[in-house]
Amino acid sequence: MTIAQLNKKIENIVEQKILEFLGDPDAGLDLKQSFVTELKKRMKNKQKLTPMSVVMRKYGVS
């Protein structure tokens, strides 16, 4: 096993244990129908994405 593989394995184990300890705060909650409808609409609409560099330039972030 390489160092990278070992690091990934440790990362996965730590993440799993944190989730077991803290739990998922959204577990068991239902999505509102309006949210599901909007999500489906957005998934069908293949809108053009704006590159990060354009957004950063627009808002003066360097």
PDB file of N, CA and C in Angstrom:
ATOM      1  N   MET A   1       0.851  -1.172   0.000  1.00  0.00           N
ATOM      2  CA  MET A   1       0.000   0.000   0.000  1.00  0.00           C
ATOM      3  C   MET A   1       0.897   1.235   0.000  1.00  0.00           C
ATOM      4  N   THR A   2       0.578   2.168  -0.897  1.00  0.00           N
ATOM      5  CA  THR A   2       1.371   3.395  -0.972  1.00  0.00           C
ATOM      6  C   THR A   2       0.945   4.367   0.130  1.00  0.00           C
ATOM      7  N   ILE A   3       1.759   5.380   0.315  1.00  0.00           N
ATOM      8  CA  ILE A   3       1.438   6.423   1.301  1.00  0.00           C
ATOM      9  C   ILE A   3       0.117   7.099   0.940  1.00  0.00           C
ATOM     10  N   ALA A   4      -0.069   7.389  -0.352  1.00  0.00           N
ATOM     11  CA  ALA A   4      -1.305   8.047  -0.799  1.00  0.00           C
ATOM     12  C   ALA A   4      -2.519   7.169  -0.516  1.00  0.00           C
ATOM     13  N   GLN A   5      -2.395   5.866  -0.765  1.00  0.00           N
ATOM     14  CA  GLN A   5      -3.502   4.944  -0.497  1.00  0.00           C
ATOM     15  C   GLN A   5      -3.795   4.866   0.998  1.00  0.00           C
ATOM     16  N   LEU A   6      -2.742   4.825   1.801  1.00  0.00           N
ATOM     17  CA  LEU A   6      -2.915   4.781   3.250  1.00  0.00           C
ATOM     18  C   LEU A   6      -3.583   6.060   3.753  1.00  0.00           C
ATOM     19  N   ASN A   7      -3.137   7.201   3.240  1.00  0.00           N
ATOM     20  CA  ASN A   7      -3.746   8.476   3.629  1.00  0.00           C
ATOM     21  C   ASN A   7      -5.225   8.512   3.272  1.00  0.00           C
ATOM     22  N   LYS A   8      -5.574   8.020   2.086  1.00  0.00           N
ATOM     23  CA  LYS A   8      -6.975   8.003   1.650  1.00  0.00           C
ATOM     24  C   LYS A   8      -7.795   7.082   2.542  1.00  0.00           C
ATOM     25  N   LYS A   9      -7.230   5.935   2.888  1.00  0.00           N
ATOM     26  CA  LYS A   9      -7.928   4.980   3.755  1.00  0.00           C
ATOM     27  C   LYS A   9      -8.179   5.596   5.136  1.00  0.00           C
ATOM     28  N   ILE A  10      -7.162   6.250   5.686  1.00  0.00           N
ATOM     29  CA  ILE A  10      -7.308   6.910   6.992  1.00  0.00           C
ATOM     30  C   ILE A  10      -8.353   8.017   6.906  1.00  0.00           C
ATOM     31  N   GLU A  11      -8.303   8.797   5.844  1.00  0.00           N
ATOM     32  CA  GLU A  11      -9.278   9.877   5.646  1.00  0.00           C
ATOM     33  C   GLU A  11     -10.702   9.328   5.621  1.00  0.00           C
ATOM     34  N   ASN A  12     -10.908   8.236   4.905  1.00  0.00           N
ATOM     35  CA  ASN A  12     -12.236   7.622   4.825  1.00  0.00           C
ATOM     36  C   ASN A  12     -12.702   7.107   6.186  1.00  0.00           C
ATOM     37  N   ILE A  13     -11.804   6.495   6.931  1.00  0.00           N
ATOM     38  CA  ILE A  13     -12.156   5.963   8.254  1.00  0.00           C
ATOM     39  C   ILE A  13     -12.514   7.099   9.207  1.00  0.00           C
ATOM     40  N   VAL A  14     -11.725   8.164   9.196  1.00  0.00           N
ATOM     41  CA  VAL A  14     -11.998   9.309  10.073  1.00  0.00           C
ATOM     42  C   VAL A  14     -13.347   9.929   9.718  1.00  0.00           C
ATOM     43  N   GLU A  15     -13.600  10.116   8.424  1.00  0.00           N
ATOM     44  CA  GLU A  15     -14.880  10.686   7.993  1.00  0.00           C
ATOM     45  C   GLU A  15     -16.046   9.808   8.430  1.00  0.00           C
ATOM     46  N   GLN A  16     -15.904   8.503   8.261  1.00  0.00           N
ATOM     47  CA  GLN A  16     -16.955   7.566   8.658  1.00  0.00           C
ATOM     48  C   GLN A  16     -17.212   7.654  10.162  1.00  0.00           C
ATOM     49  N   LYS A  17     -16.167   7.711  10.958  1.00  0.00           N
ATOM     50  CA  LYS A  17     -16.323   7.773  12.415  1.00  0.00           C
ATOM     51  C   LYS A  17     -16.959   9.090  12.853  1.00  0.00           C
ATOM     52  N   ILE A  18     -16.590  10.184  12.206  1.00  0.00           N
ATOM     53  CA  ILE A  18     -17.202  11.477  12.534  1.00  0.00           C
ATOM     54  C   ILE A  18     -18.693  11.434  12.230  1.00  0.00           C
ATOM     55  N   LEU A  19     -19.057  10.879  11.070  1.00  0.00           N
ATOM     56  CA  LEU A  19     -20.474  10.766  10.723  1.00  0.00           C
ATOM     57  C   LEU A  19     -21.219   9.869  11.705  1.00  0.00           C
ATOM     58  N   GLU A  20     -20.581   8.784  12.134  1.00  0.00           N
ATOM     59  CA  GLU A  20     -21.211   7.902  13.120  1.00  0.00           C
ATOM     60  C   GLU A  20     -21.420   8.640  14.442  1.00  0.00           C
ATOM     61  N   PHE A  21     -20.448   9.424  14.847  1.00  0.00           N
ATOM     62  CA  PHE A  21     -20.514  10.131  16.126  1.00  0.00           C
ATOM     63  C   PHE A  21     -21.524  11.278  16.092  1.00  0.00           C
ATOM     64  N   LEU A  22     -21.426  12.114  15.060  1.00  0.00           N
ATOM     65  CA  LEU A  22     -22.280  13.293  14.977  1.00  0.00           C
ATOM     66  C   LEU A  22     -23.628  13.009  14.323  1.00  0.00           C
ATOM     67  N   GLY A  23     -23.643  12.033  13.437  1.00  0.00           N
ATOM     68  CA  GLY A  23     -24.869  11.740  12.709  1.00  0.00           C
ATOM     69  C   GLY A  23     -25.118  12.766  11.615  1.00  0.00           C
ATOM     70  N   ASP A  24     -26.132  12.505  10.840  1.00  0.00           N
ATOM     71  CA  ASP A  24     -26.526  13.400   9.759  1.00  0.00           C
ATOM     72  C   ASP A  24     -27.704  14.228  10.247  1.00  0.00           C
ATOM     73  N   PRO A  25     -27.525  15.548  10.412  1.00  0.00           N
ATOM     74  CA  PRO A  25     -28.610  16.366  10.950  1.00  0.00           C
ATOM     75  C   PRO A  25     -29.837  16.415  10.042  1.00  0.00           C
ATOM     76  N   ASP A  26     -29.666  16.069   8.769  1.00  0.00           N
ATOM     77  CA  ASP A  26     -30.790  16.098   7.837  1.00  0.00           C
ATOM     78  C   ASP A  26     -31.441  14.728   7.655  1.00  0.00           C
ATOM     79  N   ALA A  27     -30.925  13.725   8.334  1.00  0.00           N
ATOM     80  CA  ALA A  27     -31.469  12.373   8.187  1.00  0.00           C
ATOM     81  C   ALA A  27     -32.935  12.353   8.596  1.00  0.00           C
ATOM     82  N   GLY A  28     -33.742  11.740   7.760  1.00  0.00           N
ATOM     83  CA  GLY A  28     -35.156  11.588   8.073  1.00  0.00           C
ATOM     84  C   GLY A  28     -36.021  12.767   7.684  1.00  0.00           C
ATOM     85  N   LEU A  29     -35.418  13.866   7.270  1.00  0.00           N
ATOM     86  CA  LEU A  29     -36.204  15.027   6.864  1.00  0.00           C
ATOM     87  C   LEU A  29     -36.670  14.863   5.424  1.00  0.00           C
ATOM     88  N   ASP A  30     -37.846  15.354   5.131  1.00  0.00           N
ATOM     89  CA  ASP A  30     -38.383  15.289   3.774  1.00  0.00           C
ATOM     90  C   ASP A  30     -38.096  16.592   3.043  1.00  0.00           C
ATOM     91  N   LEU A  31     -37.924  16.482   1.725  1.00  0.00           N
ATOM     92  CA  LEU A  31     -37.740  17.667   0.901  1.00  0.00           C
ATOM     93  C   LEU A  31     -39.108  18.240   0.565  1.00  0.00           C
ATOM     94  N   LYS A  32     -39.207  19.563   0.563  1.00  0.00           N
ATOM     95  CA  LYS A  32     -40.459  20.205   0.168  1.00  0.00           C
ATOM     96  C   LYS A  32     -40.698  19.929  -1.309  1.00  0.00           C
ATOM     97  N   GLN A  33     -41.955  19.734  -1.679  1.00  0.00           N
ATOM     98  CA  GLN A  33     -42.288  19.451  -3.073  1.00  0.00           C
ATOM     99  C   GLN A  33     -41.852  20.601  -3.977  1.00  0.00           C
ATOM    100  N   SER A  34     -41.957  21.830  -3.501  1.00  0.00           N
ATOM    101  CA  SER A  34     -41.543  22.983  -4.311  1.00  0.00           C
ATOM    102  C   SER A  34     -40.042  22.925  -4.613  1.00  0.00           C
ATOM    103  N   PHE A  35     -39.261  22.441  -3.655  1.00  0.00           N
ATOM    104  CA  PHE A  35     -37.819  22.307  -3.864  1.00  0.00           C
ATOM    105  C   PHE A  35     -37.527  21.224  -4.903  1.00  0.00           C
ATOM    106  N   VAL A  36     -38.213  20.090  -4.787  1.00  0.00           N
ATOM    107  CA  VAL A  36     -38.017  18.985  -5.734  1.00  0.00           C
ATOM    108  C   VAL A  36     -38.379  19.438  -7.142  1.00  0.00           C
ATOM    109  N   THR A  37     -39.494  20.149  -7.274  1.00  0.00           N
ATOM    110  CA  THR A  37     -39.933  20.639  -8.581  1.00  0.00           C
ATOM    111  C   THR A  37     -38.907  21.594  -9.172  1.00  0.00           C
ATOM    112  N   GLU A  38     -38.428  22.531  -8.368  1.00  0.00           N
ATOM    113  CA  GLU A  38     -37.428  23.500  -8.832  1.00  0.00           C
ATOM    114  C   GLU A  38     -36.124  22.801  -9.216  1.00  0.00           C
ATOM    115  N   LEU A  39     -35.713  21.828  -8.443  1.00  0.00           N
ATOM    116  CA  LEU A  39     -34.492  21.083  -8.734  1.00  0.00           C
ATOM    117  C   LEU A  39     -34.607  20.345 -10.064  1.00  0.00           C
ATOM    118  N   LYS A  40     -35.739  19.690 -10.291  1.00  0.00           N
ATOM    119  CA  LYS A  40     -35.953  18.974 -11.563  1.00  0.00           C
ATOM    120  C   LYS A  40     -35.941  19.945 -12.735  1.00  0.00           C
ATOM    121  N   LYS A  41     -36.563  21.122 -12.546  1.00  0.00           N
ATOM    122  CA  LYS A  41     -36.595  22.131 -13.602  1.00  0.00           C
ATOM    123  C   LYS A  41     -35.182  22.594 -13.938  1.00  0.00           C
ATOM    124  N   ARG A  42     -34.381  22.835 -12.909  1.00  0.00           N
ATOM    125  CA  ARG A  42     -33.011  23.298 -13.134  1.00  0.00           C
ATOM    126  C   ARG A  42     -32.141  22.218 -13.772  1.00  0.00           C
ATOM    127  N   MET A  43     -32.399  20.965 -13.445  1.00  0.00           N
ATOM    128  CA  MET A  43     -31.615  19.873 -14.030  1.00  0.00           C
ATOM    129  C   MET A  43     -31.913  19.735 -15.524  1.00  0.00           C
ATOM    130  N   LYS A  44     -33.143  20.023 -15.927  1.00  0.00           N
ATOM    131  CA  LYS A  44     -33.509  19.952 -17.345  1.00  0.00           C
ATOM    132  C   LYS A  44     -32.950  21.137 -18.117  1.00  0.00           C
ATOM    133  N   ASN A  45     -32.875  22.298 -17.469  1.00  0.00           N
ATOM    134  CA  ASN A  45     -32.405  23.521 -18.098  1.00  0.00           C
ATOM    135  C   ASN A  45     -30.878  23.535 -18.091  1.00  0.00           C
ATOM    136  N   LYS A  46     -30.285  23.261 -19.226  1.00  0.00           N
ATOM    137  CA  LYS A  46     -28.818  23.217 -19.337  1.00  0.00           C
ATOM    138  C   LYS A  46     -28.293  24.632 -19.558  1.00  0.00           C
ATOM    139  N   GLN A  47     -28.309  25.430 -18.494  1.00  0.00           N
ATOM    140  CA  GLN A  47     -27.862  26.811 -18.619  1.00  0.00           C
ATOM    141  C   GLN A  47     -26.342  26.892 -18.677  1.00  0.00           C
ATOM    142  N   LYS A  48     -25.880  27.941 -19.313  1.00  0.00           N
ATOM    143  CA  LYS A  48     -24.444  28.166 -19.448  1.00  0.00           C
ATOM    144  C   LYS A  48     -23.858  28.553 -18.092  1.00  0.00           C
ATOM    145  N   LEU A  49     -22.749  27.954 -17.744  1.00  0.00           N
ATOM    146  CA  LEU A  49     -22.063  28.276 -16.500  1.00  0.00           C
ATOM    147  C   LEU A  49     -21.031  29.368 -16.750  1.00  0.00           C
ATOM    148  N   THR A  50     -20.832  30.218 -15.771  1.00  0.00           N
ATOM    149  CA  THR A  50     -19.856  31.300 -15.874  1.00  0.00           C
ATOM    150  C   THR A  50     -18.552  30.849 -15.232  1.00  0.00           C
ATOM    151  N   PRO A  51     -17.440  30.941 -15.973  1.00  0.00           N
ATOM    152  CA  PRO A  51     -16.153  30.534 -15.409  1.00  0.00           C
ATOM    153  C   PRO A  51     -15.802  31.364 -14.170  1.00  0.00           C
ATOM    154  N   MET A  52     -15.113  30.751 -13.235  1.00  0.00           N
ATOM    155  CA  MET A  52     -14.722  31.407 -11.989  1.00  0.00           C
ATOM    156  C   MET A  52     -13.910  32.670 -12.260  1.00  0.00           C
ATOM    157  N   SER A  53     -13.049  32.638 -13.264  1.00  0.00           N
ATOM    158  CA  SER A  53     -12.213  33.805 -13.571  1.00  0.00           C
ATOM    159  C   SER A  53     -13.067  35.010 -13.961  1.00  0.00           C
ATOM    160  N   VAL A  54     -14.167  34.778 -14.667  1.00  0.00           N
ATOM    161  CA  VAL A  54     -15.060  35.867 -15.071  1.00  0.00           C
ATOM    162  C   VAL A  54     -15.775  36.442 -13.853  1.00  0.00           C
ATOM    163  N   VAL A  55     -16.239  35.581 -12.963  1.00  0.00           N
ATOM    164  CA  VAL A  55     -16.920  36.021 -11.743  1.00  0.00           C
ATOM    165  C   VAL A  55     -15.963  36.831 -10.877  1.00  0.00           C
ATOM    166  N   MET A  56     -14.740  36.335 -10.723  1.00  0.00           N
ATOM    167  CA  MET A  56     -13.750  37.034  -9.898  1.00  0.00           C
ATOM    168  C   MET A  56     -13.436  38.411 -10.476  1.00  0.00           C
ATOM    169  N   ARG A  57     -13.291  38.483 -11.789  1.00  0.00           N
ATOM    170  CA  ARG A  57     -13.000  39.763 -12.441  1.00  0.00           C
ATOM    171  C   ARG A  57     -14.188  40.720 -12.266  1.00  0.00           C
ATOM    172  N   LYS A  58     -15.415  40.194 -12.406  1.00  0.00           N
ATOM    173  CA  LYS A  58     -16.621  41.016 -12.280  1.00  0.00           C
ATOM    174  C   LYS A  58     -16.716  41.662 -10.899  1.00  0.00           C
ATOM    175  N   TYR A  59     -16.352  40.911  -9.862  1.00  0.00           N
ATOM    176  CA  TYR A  59     -16.474  41.405  -8.495  1.00  0.00           C
ATOM    177  C   TYR A  59     -15.161  41.931  -7.920  1.00  0.00           C
ATOM    178  N   GLY A  60     -14.146  42.049  -8.779  1.00  0.00           N
ATOM    179  CA  GLY A  60     -12.882  42.644  -8.358  1.00  0.00           C
ATOM    180  C   GLY A  60     -12.087  41.808  -7.377  1.00  0.00           C
ATOM    181  N   VAL A  61     -12.236  40.500  -7.460  1.00  0.00           N
ATOM    182  CA  VAL A  61     -11.487  39.601  -6.575  1.00  0.00           C
ATOM    183  C   VAL A  61     -10.268  39.103  -7.336  1.00  0.00           C
ATOM    184  N   SER A  62      -9.081  39.217  -6.707  1.00  0.00           N
ATOM    185  CA  SER A  62      -7.893  38.711  -7.394  1.00  0.00           C
ATOM    186  C   SER A  62      -7.201  37.649  -6.636  1.00  0.00           C
TER     187      SER A  62
END
